[in-house]
Every structure is written in structure tokens, then in C-alpha cells.
N, C-alpha and C. Protein backbone atom coordinates (compact mmCIF):
# COMPACT_ATOMS: atom_id res chain seq x y z
N MET A 1 -25.52 21.52 -14.42
CA MET A 1 -26.56 20.97 -13.38
C MET A 1 -25.78 20.59 -12.27
N GLU A 2 -25.70 20.89 -10.98
CA GLU A 2 -24.96 20.53 -9.66
C GLU A 2 -25.68 19.14 -9.40
N ILE A 3 -25.03 18.11 -9.07
CA ILE A 3 -25.60 16.88 -8.83
C ILE A 3 -25.02 16.63 -7.58
N GLU A 4 -25.61 15.54 -6.59
CA GLU A 4 -24.80 15.05 -5.64
C GLU A 4 -24.58 13.61 -5.81
N ILE A 5 -23.35 13.53 -4.83
CA ILE A 5 -22.69 12.04 -5.83
C ILE A 5 -22.62 11.53 -4.14
N ILE A 6 -22.27 11.59 -3.16
CA ILE A 6 -22.36 11.00 -2.07
C ILE A 6 -21.88 11.55 -0.56
N LYS A 7 -22.80 11.28 0.10
CA LYS A 7 -22.44 11.90 1.49
C LYS A 7 -21.79 11.14 2.59
N ALA A 8 -20.91 11.67 2.95
CA ALA A 8 -20.25 11.68 3.91
C ALA A 8 -20.62 11.06 5.11
N ASP A 9 -19.76 10.00 5.95
CA ASP A 9 -20.30 9.73 6.87
C ASP A 9 -21.79 8.90 7.20
N THR A 10 -21.76 8.46 5.99
CA THR A 10 -23.47 7.54 5.73
C THR A 10 -23.18 6.45 5.37
N PRO A 11 -23.89 5.40 5.76
CA PRO A 11 -23.85 4.02 5.16
C PRO A 11 -24.20 4.29 3.81
N THR A 12 -23.73 3.67 2.90
CA THR A 12 -24.18 3.88 1.12
C THR A 12 -25.18 2.34 1.43
N VAL A 13 -25.41 2.43 0.14
CA VAL A 13 -26.67 1.27 -0.20
C VAL A 13 -25.53 -0.22 -0.03
N ASN A 14 -24.32 -0.30 -0.22
CA ASN A 14 -23.76 -1.28 0.18
C ASN A 14 -23.42 -1.29 1.74
N ASP A 15 -23.65 -0.61 2.40
CA ASP A 15 -23.53 -0.18 3.93
C ASP A 15 -21.95 0.16 3.99
N ARG A 16 -21.40 0.49 3.01
CA ARG A 16 -20.13 1.15 3.10
C ARG A 16 -20.07 2.54 3.52
N ILE A 17 -19.28 3.22 4.75
CA ILE A 17 -19.31 4.28 5.27
C ILE A 17 -17.64 5.08 4.68
N TYR A 18 -18.01 6.17 3.79
CA TYR A 18 -17.15 7.08 3.62
C TYR A 18 -16.70 8.47 4.67
N PRO A 19 -15.85 8.23 5.30
CA PRO A 19 -15.60 9.72 6.13
C PRO A 19 -15.09 10.66 5.29
N LYS A 20 -15.83 11.85 5.79
CA LYS A 20 -15.34 13.14 5.14
C LYS A 20 -14.04 13.11 5.24
N GLU A 21 -13.24 12.93 5.99
CA GLU A 21 -11.66 12.97 5.79
C GLU A 21 -11.28 12.68 4.38
N GLU A 22 -11.57 11.27 4.40
CA GLU A 22 -11.50 10.39 3.41
C GLU A 22 -11.85 11.17 2.09
N LEU A 23 -13.23 11.65 1.86
CA LEU A 23 -13.72 12.19 0.35
C LEU A 23 -12.99 13.53 0.36
N GLU A 24 -12.77 14.40 1.00
CA GLU A 24 -11.66 15.43 0.98
C GLU A 24 -10.66 15.05 0.46
N LYS A 25 -9.81 14.27 0.86
CA LYS A 25 -8.63 13.70 0.05
C LYS A 25 -8.71 13.16 -0.96
N ALA A 26 -9.98 12.42 -1.60
CA ALA A 26 -10.25 11.78 -2.75
C ALA A 26 -10.43 13.22 -3.94
N ILE A 27 -11.12 14.25 -3.10
CA ILE A 27 -11.86 15.09 -4.01
C ILE A 27 -10.23 16.19 -4.57
N ALA A 28 -9.54 16.03 -3.58
CA ALA A 28 -8.24 16.87 -3.83
C ALA A 28 -7.24 16.31 -4.78
N ASN A 29 -7.37 15.01 -5.01
CA ASN A 29 -6.45 14.24 -5.85
C ASN A 29 -7.07 13.57 -7.13
N ALA A 30 -8.29 14.12 -7.00
CA ALA A 30 -9.61 13.13 -8.25
C ALA A 30 -9.22 13.71 -9.58
N PRO A 31 -8.89 12.94 -10.61
CA PRO A 31 -8.72 13.73 -11.82
C PRO A 31 -9.99 14.71 -12.26
N GLN A 32 -9.81 15.76 -12.83
CA GLN A 32 -11.17 16.45 -13.25
C GLN A 32 -11.07 17.03 -14.54
N PRO A 33 -11.89 16.94 -15.49
CA PRO A 33 -13.46 16.42 -15.22
C PRO A 33 -13.41 14.69 -14.84
N LEU A 34 -14.23 14.38 -14.38
CA LEU A 34 -14.55 12.89 -14.00
C LEU A 34 -15.59 12.70 -15.07
N VAL A 35 -15.03 11.25 -15.29
CA VAL A 35 -15.97 10.75 -16.40
C VAL A 35 -17.13 10.38 -15.85
N GLY A 36 -18.66 10.69 -16.78
CA GLY A 36 -19.79 9.73 -16.04
C GLY A 36 -20.28 8.79 -16.76
N ARG A 37 -20.66 8.00 -16.67
CA ARG A 37 -21.39 6.87 -16.91
C ARG A 37 -22.68 6.19 -16.44
N LEU A 38 -23.22 5.55 -17.62
CA LEU A 38 -24.97 5.36 -17.29
C LEU A 38 -24.88 3.78 -17.21
N GLY A 39 -25.26 3.39 -16.03
CA GLY A 39 -25.47 1.59 -15.80
C GLY A 39 -25.29 1.53 -14.30
N SER A 40 -24.59 0.26 -14.13
CA SER A 40 -24.70 -0.58 -12.65
C SER A 40 -23.03 0.11 -11.94
N SER A 41 -23.38 0.18 -10.98
CA SER A 41 -22.11 0.37 -10.02
C SER A 41 -21.41 -0.71 -9.65
N ASN A 42 -21.67 -2.00 -10.08
CA ASN A 42 -20.76 -3.32 -10.11
C ASN A 42 -20.24 -3.48 -11.33
N THR A 43 -19.34 -2.37 -11.73
CA THR A 43 -18.50 -2.63 -12.99
C THR A 43 -17.24 -2.04 -12.64
N ASN A 44 -16.15 -2.32 -13.25
CA ASN A 44 -14.90 -1.98 -12.94
C ASN A 44 -14.61 -0.18 -13.35
N PRO A 45 -14.63 0.64 -12.37
CA PRO A 45 -14.09 1.78 -12.68
C PRO A 45 -12.74 2.17 -13.32
N THR A 46 -12.01 1.48 -13.73
CA THR A 46 -10.88 1.52 -14.55
C THR A 46 -10.80 1.12 -15.97
N ASN A 47 -11.86 0.63 -16.24
CA ASN A 47 -12.08 0.03 -17.65
C ASN A 47 -13.32 0.72 -17.96
N ILE A 48 -13.74 1.76 -18.74
CA ILE A 48 -15.29 1.90 -18.96
C ILE A 48 -15.32 2.32 -20.52
N PRO A 49 -16.24 1.56 -20.77
CA PRO A 49 -16.25 1.45 -22.48
C PRO A 49 -16.46 2.61 -23.03
N LEU A 50 -16.23 3.16 -23.80
CA LEU A 50 -16.57 4.52 -24.40
C LEU A 50 -18.36 4.77 -24.65
N GLU A 51 -18.59 3.20 -25.16
CA GLU A 51 -20.11 3.62 -25.75
C GLU A 51 -21.24 3.78 -24.34
N ASP A 52 -20.33 3.58 -23.23
CA ASP A 52 -21.14 3.80 -21.70
C ASP A 52 -21.08 5.38 -21.45
N ILE A 53 -20.41 6.13 -21.78
CA ILE A 53 -19.90 7.64 -21.12
C ILE A 53 -21.01 8.53 -21.70
N ALA A 54 -21.80 9.28 -20.89
CA ALA A 54 -22.88 9.87 -20.97
C ALA A 54 -22.77 11.33 -20.72
N PHE A 55 -21.44 11.51 -19.40
CA PHE A 55 -21.45 12.84 -18.96
C PHE A 55 -20.23 13.27 -17.96
N ILE A 56 -19.78 14.16 -18.26
CA ILE A 56 -18.66 14.65 -17.46
C ILE A 56 -19.31 15.39 -15.91
N VAL A 57 -18.25 15.52 -14.84
CA VAL A 57 -18.29 16.23 -13.70
C VAL A 57 -17.10 16.78 -13.24
N GLU A 58 -17.51 18.00 -12.96
CA GLU A 58 -16.27 19.50 -12.89
C GLU A 58 -16.86 19.73 -11.59
N ASN A 59 -15.70 20.45 -11.16
CA ASN A 59 -15.42 21.40 -9.92
C ASN A 59 -16.08 20.50 -8.74
N LEU A 60 -15.82 19.09 -8.58
CA LEU A 60 -16.19 18.37 -7.25
C LEU A 60 -15.79 18.90 -6.34
N ARG A 61 -16.38 19.12 -5.16
CA ARG A 61 -16.55 19.74 -3.85
C ARG A 61 -17.30 19.11 -3.12
N MET A 62 -16.88 19.58 -1.58
CA MET A 62 -17.83 19.04 -0.43
C MET A 62 -18.43 20.03 -0.33
N ASP A 63 -20.07 19.73 -0.11
CA ASP A 63 -21.09 20.97 0.37
C ASP A 63 -21.85 20.22 1.44
N ASP A 64 -21.24 21.23 2.71
CA ASP A 64 -22.42 20.28 4.04
C ASP A 64 -22.36 19.05 4.07
N GLY A 65 -21.18 18.31 4.06
CA GLY A 65 -21.18 17.04 3.85
C GLY A 65 -21.28 15.88 2.75
N THR A 66 -21.52 16.61 2.01
CA THR A 66 -22.30 15.66 0.58
C THR A 66 -20.84 16.19 -0.73
N VAL A 67 -20.88 15.25 -1.43
CA VAL A 67 -19.98 15.18 -2.35
C VAL A 67 -20.58 15.77 -3.45
N VAL A 68 -20.67 17.41 -4.16
CA VAL A 68 -21.53 17.59 -5.25
C VAL A 68 -19.99 17.64 -6.11
N GLY A 69 -21.22 17.98 -7.48
CA GLY A 69 -19.98 18.40 -9.08
C GLY A 69 -21.40 18.86 -9.98
N ASP A 70 -20.69 19.77 -10.66
CA ASP A 70 -21.64 19.90 -12.07
C ASP A 70 -21.54 19.39 -13.24
N MET A 71 -22.63 18.77 -13.52
CA MET A 71 -22.69 17.55 -14.41
C MET A 71 -22.64 18.20 -15.67
N LYS A 72 -21.98 17.73 -17.00
CA LYS A 72 -22.71 18.20 -18.13
C LYS A 72 -22.56 16.90 -19.10
N ILE A 73 -24.12 16.96 -19.79
CA ILE A 73 -24.51 15.89 -20.70
C ILE A 73 -23.34 15.96 -21.97
N LEU A 74 -22.75 14.67 -22.21
CA LEU A 74 -21.87 14.65 -23.54
C LEU A 74 -23.01 14.22 -24.54
N ASN A 75 -22.39 15.03 -26.13
CA ASN A 75 -23.24 14.42 -27.36
C ASN A 75 -22.64 13.15 -27.83
N THR A 76 -23.02 12.07 -26.65
CA THR A 76 -22.88 10.80 -27.12
C THR A 76 -23.93 9.88 -27.65
N PRO A 77 -23.44 8.89 -28.10
CA PRO A 77 -24.47 7.76 -28.14
C PRO A 77 -25.46 7.73 -27.26
N ASN A 78 -25.18 7.50 -25.82
CA ASN A 78 -25.95 7.37 -25.12
C ASN A 78 -26.75 8.79 -24.22
N LYS A 79 -26.46 9.88 -25.11
CA LYS A 79 -27.23 10.95 -24.23
C LYS A 79 -28.91 10.99 -24.46
N ALA A 80 -29.04 10.36 -25.45
CA ALA A 80 -30.87 10.27 -25.10
C ALA A 80 -31.28 9.52 -24.09
N LYS A 81 -30.97 8.11 -24.39
CA LYS A 81 -31.08 7.23 -23.02
C LYS A 81 -30.95 7.97 -21.56
N PHE A 82 -29.97 8.61 -21.79
CA PHE A 82 -29.38 9.22 -20.18
C PHE A 82 -30.39 10.22 -19.77
N GLU A 83 -30.57 11.18 -20.99
CA GLU A 83 -31.87 12.21 -20.67
C GLU A 83 -33.16 11.84 -20.12
N GLU A 84 -33.18 10.26 -20.69
CA GLU A 84 -34.82 9.66 -20.78
C GLU A 84 -34.60 9.40 -19.17
N VAL A 85 -33.62 8.83 -18.73
CA VAL A 85 -33.59 8.25 -17.16
C VAL A 85 -33.16 9.51 -16.08
N LEU A 86 -32.65 10.39 -16.60
CA LEU A 86 -32.12 11.48 -15.53
C LEU A 86 -32.82 11.76 -14.56
N PRO A 87 -34.21 11.59 -14.55
CA PRO A 87 -35.40 12.04 -13.35
C PRO A 87 -35.08 10.74 -12.47
N PHE A 88 -34.75 9.37 -12.70
CA PHE A 88 -34.81 8.26 -12.13
C PHE A 88 -33.42 7.86 -11.50
N VAL A 89 -32.29 8.68 -11.69
CA VAL A 89 -31.08 7.88 -11.24
C VAL A 89 -30.52 8.62 -10.03
N ARG A 90 -29.60 7.56 -9.50
CA ARG A 90 -28.67 8.50 -8.00
C ARG A 90 -27.43 8.32 -8.66
N PHE A 91 -26.66 9.16 -8.53
CA PHE A 91 -25.03 9.33 -8.69
C PHE A 91 -24.59 8.72 -7.63
N THR A 92 -23.53 8.03 -8.09
CA THR A 92 -22.47 7.64 -7.15
C THR A 92 -21.00 7.44 -7.77
N PRO A 93 -19.85 7.57 -6.83
CA PRO A 93 -18.70 7.55 -7.30
C PRO A 93 -18.30 6.17 -7.25
N ALA A 94 -17.17 5.98 -8.51
CA ALA A 94 -16.68 4.87 -8.47
C ALA A 94 -15.02 4.88 -8.24
N GLY A 95 -14.33 4.15 -7.66
CA GLY A 95 -13.22 4.17 -7.69
C GLY A 95 -12.40 2.65 -7.19
N THR A 96 -11.31 3.22 -6.45
CA THR A 96 -10.84 2.25 -5.34
C THR A 96 -10.36 2.72 -4.31
N CYS A 97 -10.15 1.65 -2.94
CA CYS A 97 -10.50 2.36 -1.90
C CYS A 97 -10.04 0.39 -0.95
N ILE A 98 -9.54 0.97 0.20
CA ILE A 98 -9.25 -0.37 1.30
C ILE A 98 -10.62 -0.31 2.02
N VAL A 99 -11.07 -1.01 2.54
CA VAL A 99 -12.62 -1.29 3.37
C VAL A 99 -11.78 -2.19 4.28
N ASP A 100 -12.25 -1.33 5.50
CA ASP A 100 -12.08 -2.23 7.08
C ASP A 100 -12.75 -3.06 7.40
N ASP A 101 -13.01 -3.67 8.65
CA ASP A 101 -13.73 -4.55 8.91
C ASP A 101 -15.16 -3.90 9.57
N ASP A 102 -15.13 -2.70 9.60
CA ASP A 102 -16.32 -2.17 9.81
C ASP A 102 -17.09 -1.22 8.81
N ASN A 103 -16.59 -1.46 7.70
CA ASN A 103 -16.97 -1.14 6.65
C ASN A 103 -16.67 0.58 6.22
N ASN A 104 -15.56 0.85 6.75
CA ASN A 104 -15.36 2.17 6.75
C ASN A 104 -14.25 2.12 5.40
N ILE A 105 -14.21 3.24 4.81
CA ILE A 105 -13.35 3.62 3.19
C ILE A 105 -12.06 4.29 3.70
N ARG A 106 -10.82 3.86 3.22
CA ARG A 106 -9.75 4.66 3.33
C ARG A 106 -8.86 4.36 2.25
N ASP A 107 -7.98 5.30 2.02
CA ASP A 107 -7.25 5.48 0.66
C ASP A 107 -8.14 5.14 -0.26
N TYR A 108 -9.01 6.08 -0.56
CA TYR A 108 -9.94 6.13 -1.72
C TYR A 108 -9.80 6.88 -2.77
N LYS A 109 -9.94 6.70 -4.04
CA LYS A 109 -9.38 7.35 -5.21
C LYS A 109 -10.59 7.09 -6.19
N ILE A 110 -11.40 8.54 -6.36
CA ILE A 110 -12.27 8.21 -7.10
C ILE A 110 -11.91 8.62 -8.51
N LEU A 111 -12.71 7.68 -9.22
CA LEU A 111 -12.08 7.43 -10.98
C LEU A 111 -13.18 7.78 -11.71
N CYS A 112 -14.28 7.73 -11.60
CA CYS A 112 -15.83 8.24 -12.30
C CYS A 112 -16.95 8.05 -11.84
N VAL A 113 -17.85 8.80 -12.39
CA VAL A 113 -19.26 8.75 -11.67
C VAL A 113 -20.13 8.00 -12.28
N ILE A 114 -21.34 7.30 -11.59
CA ILE A 114 -22.15 6.57 -12.23
C ILE A 114 -23.35 6.63 -11.79
N ALA A 115 -23.94 6.79 -12.96
CA ALA A 115 -25.84 7.35 -12.61
C ALA A 115 -26.13 5.87 -13.20
N VAL A 116 -26.91 5.38 -11.54
CA VAL A 116 -27.83 4.30 -11.70
C VAL A 116 -29.10 4.50 -11.70
N PRO A 117 -29.66 3.88 -12.44
CA PRO A 117 -31.21 4.16 -12.34
C PRO A 117 -31.95 3.22 -11.63
N GLU A 118 -32.87 4.18 -10.91
CA GLU A 118 -33.52 3.33 -9.81
C GLU A 118 -35.13 3.45 -10.25
N MET A 119 -35.60 2.48 -11.09
CA MET A 119 -36.95 3.11 -11.75
C MET A 119 -37.56 1.39 -11.53
């Protein structure tokens, strides 16, 4: 299943702007597959509890200004819960970066993808 992860050059829910060039570099250097977790985007992307993992994302790529990837749901304890909320989630990348005074991102490293329920 193809999912949209983030739009380039568009403010996010936290008003950060991820320039297309930065996202292209991050995609090129991202580990693949990326681990996917269900939960809040306010968690540490470098320390994901195994019980939170619900999916992986492969074939990360840029498509018309949007980062997309192919999601595969894993057979984990979170599988049923994830499948239940899947119609109501937005996907967002999580990683490390530098944020400038204008909320533009640079030196971005994608570490995982988070499915954030919006119910």
C-alpha cells in the first residue's frame, strides 16, 4: 500500500518546512526499510520500543513533491490496533535535523515513520 509521508516545501502541523532538496537527500541516505510505529510524533525516533512497531516502509521516493513509500503491515502485537485505526491516521517522518529561525529544516535524517491517529 502506497502512503504519503510528507509534502515538501509545505508547513507541517508544527509549522516546520522541509525543503524538497533536503527531503531528497534524506531519502537517499535513509535506512530501508524504515520501521513504522503507531503513536504520537512527540516521541524519540532513535529509541522505538519493539511493542510500538506496526509496519515497515520500503521504496521511499519523491513523487510530485511528496515523499511516499510502500507500507507493509507486520504481524506484531500492534497489528489489529493499527488496522483498526489505519483509515484515520496521517503518516509523518521522524528523525533528526537542524531547524533554522524560519522553521526550515536542514541536515535531515529520516529514522522512522509514525502513524498518528487523528480521530
